[in-house]
N, C-alpha and C. Protein backbone atom coordinates (compact mmCIF):
# COMPACT_ATOMS: atom_id res chain seq x y z
N MET A 1 -64.19 59.92 -50.30
CA MET A 1 -64.21 59.55 -48.90
C MET A 1 -62.87 58.91 -48.53
N THR A 2 -62.38 59.24 -47.39
CA THR A 2 -61.13 58.68 -46.89
C THR A 2 -61.37 57.25 -46.41
N PRO A 3 -60.49 56.32 -46.83
CA PRO A 3 -60.66 54.93 -46.36
C PRO A 3 -60.51 54.85 -44.84
N GLU A 4 -61.22 53.89 -44.26
CA GLU A 4 -61.13 53.65 -42.81
C GLU A 4 -59.78 53.04 -42.48
N GLU A 5 -59.15 53.52 -41.42
CA GLU A 5 -57.87 52.96 -40.99
C GLU A 5 -58.10 51.89 -39.93
N ALA A 6 -57.19 50.95 -39.89
CA ALA A 6 -57.28 49.85 -38.92
C ALA A 6 -55.87 49.34 -38.63
N HIS A 7 -55.77 48.52 -37.60
CA HIS A 7 -54.52 47.83 -37.28
C HIS A 7 -54.68 46.39 -37.73
N LEU A 8 -53.80 45.95 -38.60
CA LEU A 8 -53.83 44.60 -39.16
C LEU A 8 -52.95 43.70 -38.30
N ARG A 9 -53.54 42.62 -37.79
CA ARG A 9 -52.79 41.68 -36.95
C ARG A 9 -51.84 40.84 -37.79
N CYS A 10 -50.59 40.78 -37.35
CA CYS A 10 -49.53 40.02 -38.02
C CYS A 10 -48.69 39.37 -36.93
N GLU A 11 -47.58 38.74 -37.34
CA GLU A 11 -46.66 38.22 -36.34
C GLU A 11 -45.23 38.48 -36.77
N ALA A 12 -44.43 38.95 -35.81
CA ALA A 12 -43.00 39.12 -36.04
C ALA A 12 -42.38 37.73 -35.98
N VAL A 13 -41.62 37.37 -37.02
CA VAL A 13 -41.09 36.00 -37.08
C VAL A 13 -39.58 35.93 -36.92
N SER A 14 -38.87 37.03 -37.19
CA SER A 14 -37.41 36.99 -37.02
C SER A 14 -36.85 38.41 -36.93
N TRP A 15 -35.69 38.49 -36.28
CA TRP A 15 -34.95 39.74 -36.22
C TRP A 15 -34.05 39.83 -37.44
N ILE A 16 -34.02 40.98 -38.06
CA ILE A 16 -33.09 41.26 -39.15
C ILE A 16 -31.86 41.95 -38.58
N SER A 17 -32.11 42.91 -37.66
CA SER A 17 -31.02 43.63 -37.01
C SER A 17 -31.50 44.15 -35.66
N HIS A 18 -30.64 44.04 -34.65
CA HIS A 18 -30.96 44.59 -33.33
C HIS A 18 -30.47 46.03 -33.21
N ASP A 19 -29.73 46.52 -34.20
CA ASP A 19 -29.27 47.91 -34.16
C ASP A 19 -30.47 48.85 -34.14
N PHE A 20 -30.34 49.94 -33.37
CA PHE A 20 -31.44 50.89 -33.22
C PHE A 20 -31.93 51.35 -34.59
N PRO A 21 -33.23 51.39 -34.82
CA PRO A 21 -34.34 51.10 -33.91
C PRO A 21 -34.78 49.64 -33.93
N GLY A 22 -34.00 48.78 -34.56
CA GLY A 22 -34.35 47.37 -34.69
C GLY A 22 -35.14 47.12 -35.97
N TRP A 23 -34.80 46.06 -36.67
CA TRP A 23 -35.49 45.68 -37.90
C TRP A 23 -35.99 44.25 -37.73
N VAL A 24 -37.26 44.02 -38.10
CA VAL A 24 -37.86 42.70 -37.96
C VAL A 24 -38.52 42.28 -39.26
N ARG A 25 -38.67 40.96 -39.37
CA ARG A 25 -39.43 40.37 -40.49
C ARG A 25 -40.77 39.95 -39.92
N VAL A 26 -41.84 40.36 -40.59
CA VAL A 26 -43.20 40.15 -40.11
C VAL A 26 -43.98 39.38 -41.17
N ARG A 27 -44.84 38.47 -40.70
CA ARG A 27 -45.65 37.65 -41.61
C ARG A 27 -47.12 37.99 -41.45
N LEU A 28 -47.79 38.14 -42.59
CA LEU A 28 -49.23 38.31 -42.67
C LEU A 28 -49.77 37.12 -43.45
N VAL A 29 -50.83 36.51 -42.96
CA VAL A 29 -51.49 35.42 -43.67
C VAL A 29 -52.84 35.95 -44.15
N ASP A 30 -53.07 35.91 -45.48
CA ASP A 30 -54.31 36.46 -46.03
C ASP A 30 -55.43 35.42 -46.05
N VAL A 31 -56.58 35.78 -46.67
CA VAL A 31 -57.74 34.89 -46.69
C VAL A 31 -57.49 33.60 -47.47
N ASN A 32 -56.52 33.61 -48.37
CA ASN A 32 -56.19 32.41 -49.15
C ASN A 32 -55.12 31.57 -48.47
N ASN A 33 -54.77 31.93 -47.25
CA ASN A 33 -53.72 31.26 -46.48
C ASN A 33 -52.34 31.44 -47.11
N THR A 34 -52.18 32.53 -47.84
CA THR A 34 -50.88 32.90 -48.41
C THR A 34 -50.13 33.75 -47.40
N SER A 35 -48.86 33.43 -47.20
CA SER A 35 -48.02 34.22 -46.29
C SER A 35 -47.34 35.33 -47.06
N TRP A 36 -47.42 36.53 -46.54
CA TRP A 36 -46.74 37.70 -47.08
C TRP A 36 -45.76 38.18 -46.03
N TYR A 37 -44.55 38.56 -46.45
CA TYR A 37 -43.51 38.97 -45.51
C TYR A 37 -43.12 40.42 -45.72
N PHE A 38 -42.89 41.09 -44.62
CA PHE A 38 -42.52 42.51 -44.59
C PHE A 38 -41.26 42.64 -43.74
N VAL A 39 -40.36 43.53 -44.14
CA VAL A 39 -39.18 43.85 -43.33
C VAL A 39 -39.20 45.36 -43.13
N ASP A 40 -39.19 45.75 -41.86
CA ASP A 40 -39.19 47.19 -41.56
C ASP A 40 -38.74 47.39 -40.12
N LYS A 41 -38.68 48.65 -39.74
CA LYS A 41 -38.27 49.01 -38.39
C LYS A 41 -39.32 48.57 -37.37
N VAL A 42 -38.88 48.19 -36.20
CA VAL A 42 -39.78 47.73 -35.13
C VAL A 42 -40.93 48.70 -34.88
N PRO A 43 -40.69 50.03 -34.82
CA PRO A 43 -41.80 50.95 -34.53
C PRO A 43 -42.93 50.92 -35.56
N VAL A 44 -42.67 50.42 -36.75
CA VAL A 44 -43.73 50.30 -37.76
C VAL A 44 -44.76 49.28 -37.29
N PHE A 45 -44.34 48.28 -36.53
CA PHE A 45 -45.20 47.18 -36.13
C PHE A 45 -45.61 47.18 -34.66
N THR A 46 -44.85 47.81 -33.80
CA THR A 46 -45.18 47.86 -32.37
C THR A 46 -44.43 49.00 -31.72
N ALA A 47 -45.03 49.55 -30.69
CA ALA A 47 -44.36 50.60 -29.93
C ALA A 47 -43.52 50.01 -28.80
N ASP A 48 -43.68 48.71 -28.56
CA ASP A 48 -43.02 48.07 -27.44
C ASP A 48 -42.07 46.98 -27.92
N SER A 49 -40.82 47.36 -28.21
CA SER A 49 -39.86 46.38 -28.73
C SER A 49 -39.48 45.34 -27.68
N SER A 50 -39.72 45.63 -26.41
CA SER A 50 -39.38 44.65 -25.37
C SER A 50 -40.24 43.38 -25.49
N ARG A 51 -41.45 43.51 -26.06
CA ARG A 51 -42.29 42.34 -26.29
C ARG A 51 -41.63 41.38 -27.27
N LEU A 52 -40.88 41.93 -28.21
CA LEU A 52 -40.22 41.11 -29.22
C LEU A 52 -38.93 40.48 -28.70
N GLU A 53 -38.36 41.07 -27.68
CA GLU A 53 -37.09 40.55 -27.14
C GLU A 53 -37.26 39.17 -26.52
N ALA A 54 -38.42 38.94 -25.92
CA ALA A 54 -38.63 37.71 -25.17
C ALA A 54 -38.65 36.48 -26.07
N ARG A 55 -39.49 36.48 -27.07
CA ARG A 55 -39.63 35.27 -27.87
C ARG A 55 -40.36 35.55 -29.16
N LEU A 56 -39.88 34.98 -30.24
CA LEU A 56 -40.56 35.08 -31.54
C LEU A 56 -41.05 33.70 -31.92
N PRO A 57 -42.14 33.57 -32.63
CA PRO A 57 -42.94 34.67 -33.17
C PRO A 57 -43.73 35.39 -32.08
N ALA A 58 -44.04 36.66 -32.35
CA ALA A 58 -44.78 37.49 -31.42
C ALA A 58 -45.82 38.29 -32.19
N PRO A 59 -47.00 38.49 -31.60
CA PRO A 59 -48.04 39.27 -32.29
C PRO A 59 -47.64 40.74 -32.41
N VAL A 60 -47.90 41.32 -33.57
CA VAL A 60 -47.67 42.74 -33.83
C VAL A 60 -48.82 43.24 -34.70
N HIS A 61 -48.84 44.52 -34.93
CA HIS A 61 -49.85 45.14 -35.79
C HIS A 61 -49.18 46.05 -36.80
N MET A 62 -49.85 46.25 -37.93
CA MET A 62 -49.39 47.26 -38.88
C MET A 62 -50.59 48.07 -39.30
N LEU A 63 -50.39 49.37 -39.45
CA LEU A 63 -51.47 50.24 -39.89
C LEU A 63 -51.82 49.93 -41.34
N CYS A 64 -53.10 49.97 -41.64
CA CYS A 64 -53.55 49.77 -43.01
C CYS A 64 -54.81 50.60 -43.22
N SER A 65 -55.22 50.71 -44.47
CA SER A 65 -56.46 51.37 -44.82
C SER A 65 -57.37 50.35 -45.48
N ILE A 66 -58.62 50.31 -45.05
CA ILE A 66 -59.60 49.42 -45.67
C ILE A 66 -60.09 50.11 -46.92
N VAL A 67 -59.80 49.51 -48.08
CA VAL A 67 -60.12 50.17 -49.34
C VAL A 67 -61.24 49.48 -50.12
N GLY A 68 -61.72 48.35 -49.64
CA GLY A 68 -62.81 47.71 -50.35
C GLY A 68 -63.20 46.38 -49.76
N ARG A 69 -64.14 45.74 -50.45
CA ARG A 69 -64.60 44.40 -50.10
C ARG A 69 -64.48 43.53 -51.34
N ASP A 70 -64.18 42.27 -51.11
CA ASP A 70 -64.09 41.31 -52.21
C ASP A 70 -64.70 40.02 -51.69
N GLY A 71 -65.97 39.80 -52.01
CA GLY A 71 -66.67 38.66 -51.44
C GLY A 71 -66.76 38.83 -49.94
N GLY A 72 -66.35 37.81 -49.20
CA GLY A 72 -66.38 37.88 -47.74
C GLY A 72 -65.14 38.49 -47.14
N ALA A 73 -64.20 38.92 -47.97
CA ALA A 73 -62.94 39.48 -47.48
C ALA A 73 -62.95 41.00 -47.55
N LEU A 74 -62.10 41.60 -46.73
CA LEU A 74 -61.84 43.03 -46.84
C LEU A 74 -60.53 43.21 -47.60
N VAL A 75 -60.46 44.23 -48.43
CA VAL A 75 -59.23 44.56 -49.14
C VAL A 75 -58.59 45.71 -48.38
N VAL A 76 -57.34 45.51 -47.95
CA VAL A 76 -56.63 46.54 -47.21
C VAL A 76 -55.37 46.95 -47.98
N SER A 77 -54.98 48.19 -47.77
CA SER A 77 -53.77 48.71 -48.38
C SER A 77 -52.80 49.15 -47.29
N THR A 78 -51.55 48.77 -47.46
CA THR A 78 -50.51 49.24 -46.54
C THR A 78 -49.71 50.39 -47.18
N ALA A 79 -50.00 50.69 -48.45
CA ALA A 79 -49.25 51.72 -49.19
C ALA A 79 -49.41 53.10 -48.57
N THR A 80 -50.60 53.40 -48.05
CA THR A 80 -50.83 54.72 -47.47
C THR A 80 -49.97 54.97 -46.25
N HIS A 81 -49.39 53.90 -45.70
CA HIS A 81 -48.53 54.03 -44.53
C HIS A 81 -47.07 53.70 -44.86
N GLY A 82 -46.77 53.60 -46.16
CA GLY A 82 -45.39 53.41 -46.60
C GLY A 82 -44.83 52.02 -46.36
N VAL A 83 -45.71 51.02 -46.26
CA VAL A 83 -45.26 49.65 -45.99
C VAL A 83 -45.69 48.76 -47.14
N GLU A 84 -44.79 47.90 -47.58
CA GLU A 84 -45.14 46.93 -48.62
C GLU A 84 -44.44 45.61 -48.33
N ALA A 85 -45.02 44.54 -48.88
CA ALA A 85 -44.43 43.21 -48.70
C ALA A 85 -43.09 43.16 -49.43
N GLU A 86 -42.31 42.13 -49.15
CA GLU A 86 -40.98 42.00 -49.76
C GLU A 86 -41.04 42.02 -51.28
N ASP A 87 -42.14 41.54 -51.85
CA ASP A 87 -42.25 41.52 -53.32
C ASP A 87 -42.90 42.80 -53.87
N GLY A 88 -43.16 43.78 -53.00
CA GLY A 88 -43.72 45.06 -53.44
C GLY A 88 -45.24 45.15 -53.34
N GLN A 89 -45.90 44.06 -53.00
CA GLN A 89 -47.36 44.07 -52.89
C GLN A 89 -47.80 44.93 -51.72
N CYS A 90 -48.90 45.69 -51.93
CA CYS A 90 -49.42 46.53 -50.85
C CYS A 90 -50.92 46.39 -50.67
N LEU A 91 -51.59 45.58 -51.48
CA LEU A 91 -53.01 45.30 -51.31
C LEU A 91 -53.18 43.85 -50.91
N PHE A 92 -54.03 43.62 -49.88
CA PHE A 92 -54.20 42.27 -49.36
C PHE A 92 -55.65 42.02 -49.04
N ARG A 93 -56.10 40.81 -49.27
CA ARG A 93 -57.45 40.36 -48.91
C ARG A 93 -57.35 39.65 -47.57
N VAL A 94 -58.06 40.18 -46.57
CA VAL A 94 -57.96 39.64 -45.22
C VAL A 94 -59.36 39.43 -44.63
N HIS A 95 -59.42 38.61 -43.58
CA HIS A 95 -60.66 38.42 -42.84
C HIS A 95 -60.90 39.64 -41.95
N ALA A 96 -62.14 40.00 -41.76
CA ALA A 96 -62.47 41.14 -40.89
C ALA A 96 -61.90 40.95 -39.49
N GLY A 97 -61.84 39.70 -39.02
CA GLY A 97 -61.32 39.41 -37.69
C GLY A 97 -59.83 39.65 -37.53
N GLN A 98 -59.12 39.90 -38.64
CA GLN A 98 -57.69 40.20 -38.57
C GLN A 98 -57.43 41.67 -38.29
N LEU A 99 -58.49 42.47 -38.23
CA LEU A 99 -58.35 43.91 -38.06
C LEU A 99 -58.84 44.36 -36.70
N ASP A 100 -58.12 45.30 -36.13
CA ASP A 100 -58.58 46.02 -34.95
C ASP A 100 -58.88 47.43 -35.42
N ARG A 101 -60.14 47.80 -35.33
CA ARG A 101 -60.55 49.13 -35.79
C ARG A 101 -60.68 50.07 -34.61
N PRO A 102 -60.05 51.25 -34.71
CA PRO A 102 -60.18 52.21 -33.61
C PRO A 102 -61.62 52.71 -33.51
N ARG A 103 -62.18 52.64 -32.34
CA ARG A 103 -63.57 53.08 -32.14
C ARG A 103 -63.63 54.42 -31.39
N PHE A 104 -62.63 54.68 -30.56
CA PHE A 104 -62.65 55.89 -29.76
C PHE A 104 -61.30 56.59 -29.85
N ARG A 105 -61.33 57.88 -29.84
CA ARG A 105 -60.11 58.68 -29.80
C ARG A 105 -60.31 59.74 -28.73
N LYS A 106 -59.47 59.72 -27.72
CA LYS A 106 -59.55 60.66 -26.60
C LYS A 106 -60.94 60.64 -25.98
N GLY A 107 -61.53 59.44 -25.87
CA GLY A 107 -62.81 59.31 -25.20
C GLY A 107 -64.02 59.70 -26.02
N VAL A 108 -63.81 60.11 -27.26
CA VAL A 108 -64.92 60.53 -28.10
C VAL A 108 -65.05 59.53 -29.24
N ALA A 109 -66.26 59.10 -29.50
CA ALA A 109 -66.47 58.15 -30.60
C ALA A 109 -66.06 58.79 -31.91
N LEU A 110 -65.40 58.02 -32.75
CA LEU A 110 -65.03 58.52 -34.06
C LEU A 110 -66.27 58.73 -34.91
N ALA A 111 -66.29 59.78 -35.66
CA ALA A 111 -67.45 60.09 -36.48
C ALA A 111 -67.28 59.61 -37.92
N ARG A 112 -66.21 58.87 -38.18
CA ARG A 112 -65.97 58.38 -39.53
C ARG A 112 -67.07 57.44 -39.99
N ALA A 113 -67.39 57.53 -41.25
CA ALA A 113 -68.35 56.59 -41.82
C ALA A 113 -67.68 55.23 -41.95
N SER A 114 -68.44 54.18 -41.77
CA SER A 114 -67.86 52.84 -41.83
C SER A 114 -67.91 52.27 -43.24
N ARG A 115 -68.45 53.01 -44.18
CA ARG A 115 -68.55 52.53 -45.55
C ARG A 115 -67.16 52.47 -46.18
N VAL A 116 -66.91 51.45 -46.99
CA VAL A 116 -65.64 51.33 -47.69
C VAL A 116 -65.88 51.43 -49.18
N LEU A 117 -64.85 51.74 -49.92
CA LEU A 117 -64.96 51.84 -51.37
C LEU A 117 -65.15 50.47 -51.99
N PRO A 118 -65.86 50.38 -53.10
CA PRO A 118 -65.94 49.09 -53.79
C PRO A 118 -64.54 48.62 -54.14
N ALA A 119 -64.29 47.33 -53.99
CA ALA A 119 -62.95 46.77 -54.17
C ALA A 119 -62.38 47.08 -55.54
N GLN A 120 -63.17 46.94 -56.58
CA GLN A 120 -62.66 47.14 -57.93
C GLN A 120 -62.23 48.59 -58.13
N THR A 121 -63.02 49.55 -57.64
CA THR A 121 -62.66 50.95 -57.77
C THR A 121 -61.38 51.26 -57.02
N ALA A 122 -61.28 50.78 -55.78
CA ALA A 122 -60.09 51.02 -54.97
C ALA A 122 -58.85 50.38 -55.59
N ALA A 123 -58.99 49.14 -56.05
CA ALA A 123 -57.85 48.45 -56.65
C ALA A 123 -57.42 49.15 -57.93
N SER A 124 -58.39 49.59 -58.74
CA SER A 124 -58.05 50.29 -59.99
C SER A 124 -57.32 51.59 -59.71
N ALA A 125 -57.80 52.34 -58.72
CA ALA A 125 -57.15 53.61 -58.38
C ALA A 125 -55.73 53.39 -57.90
N LEU A 126 -55.53 52.41 -57.03
CA LEU A 126 -54.18 52.13 -56.54
C LEU A 126 -53.29 51.58 -57.64
N SER A 127 -53.84 50.73 -58.50
CA SER A 127 -53.07 50.17 -59.59
C SER A 127 -52.59 51.27 -60.52
N THR A 128 -53.48 52.20 -60.84
CA THR A 128 -53.11 53.32 -61.71
C THR A 128 -52.03 54.17 -61.06
N ARG A 129 -52.19 54.44 -59.76
CA ARG A 129 -51.23 55.27 -59.05
C ARG A 129 -49.86 54.59 -58.99
N LEU A 130 -49.87 53.26 -58.83
CA LEU A 130 -48.62 52.53 -58.71
C LEU A 130 -48.08 52.07 -60.06
N GLY A 131 -48.83 52.32 -61.12
CA GLY A 131 -48.34 52.07 -62.48
C GLY A 131 -48.38 50.63 -62.94
N GLY A 132 -49.36 49.85 -62.50
CA GLY A 132 -49.42 48.49 -63.02
C GLY A 132 -50.44 47.63 -62.32
N SER A 133 -50.45 46.40 -62.67
CA SER A 133 -51.38 45.44 -62.11
C SER A 133 -51.01 45.10 -60.67
N LEU A 134 -52.03 44.94 -59.85
CA LEU A 134 -51.79 44.63 -58.45
C LEU A 134 -51.88 43.15 -58.16
N GLY A 135 -52.46 42.38 -59.02
CA GLY A 135 -52.44 40.94 -58.87
C GLY A 135 -53.28 40.37 -57.74
N ILE A 136 -54.40 41.04 -57.37
CA ILE A 136 -55.26 40.39 -56.37
C ILE A 136 -56.40 39.73 -57.05
């Protein structure tokens, strides 16, 4: 089964470069209150760079896949969208409220199942694919 996709709420905290298309540093806070930082092009986090011009920090989103559950947290992966934290981490434990899940596409309800993979299975599969321990 394909993992459910969602938009993970984060915040842009600083500009790295204003050169086109713009590079920003973004912070994600997980369920353990750990801050994770990402550096990537503005379009990875928002389609509207003018929102970032006004004032930072500013709310942004990043695409992720929900790959499991771990207690009361959801385990999400940013690897499927080519994004990883500065230290290479791509699996994160987050609160369900940090995600915006698409419910409709072109006016039609999505038919995707809402079931997610067990966290251990998903983490093991990603760990094997990435060649090592994921440290969650």
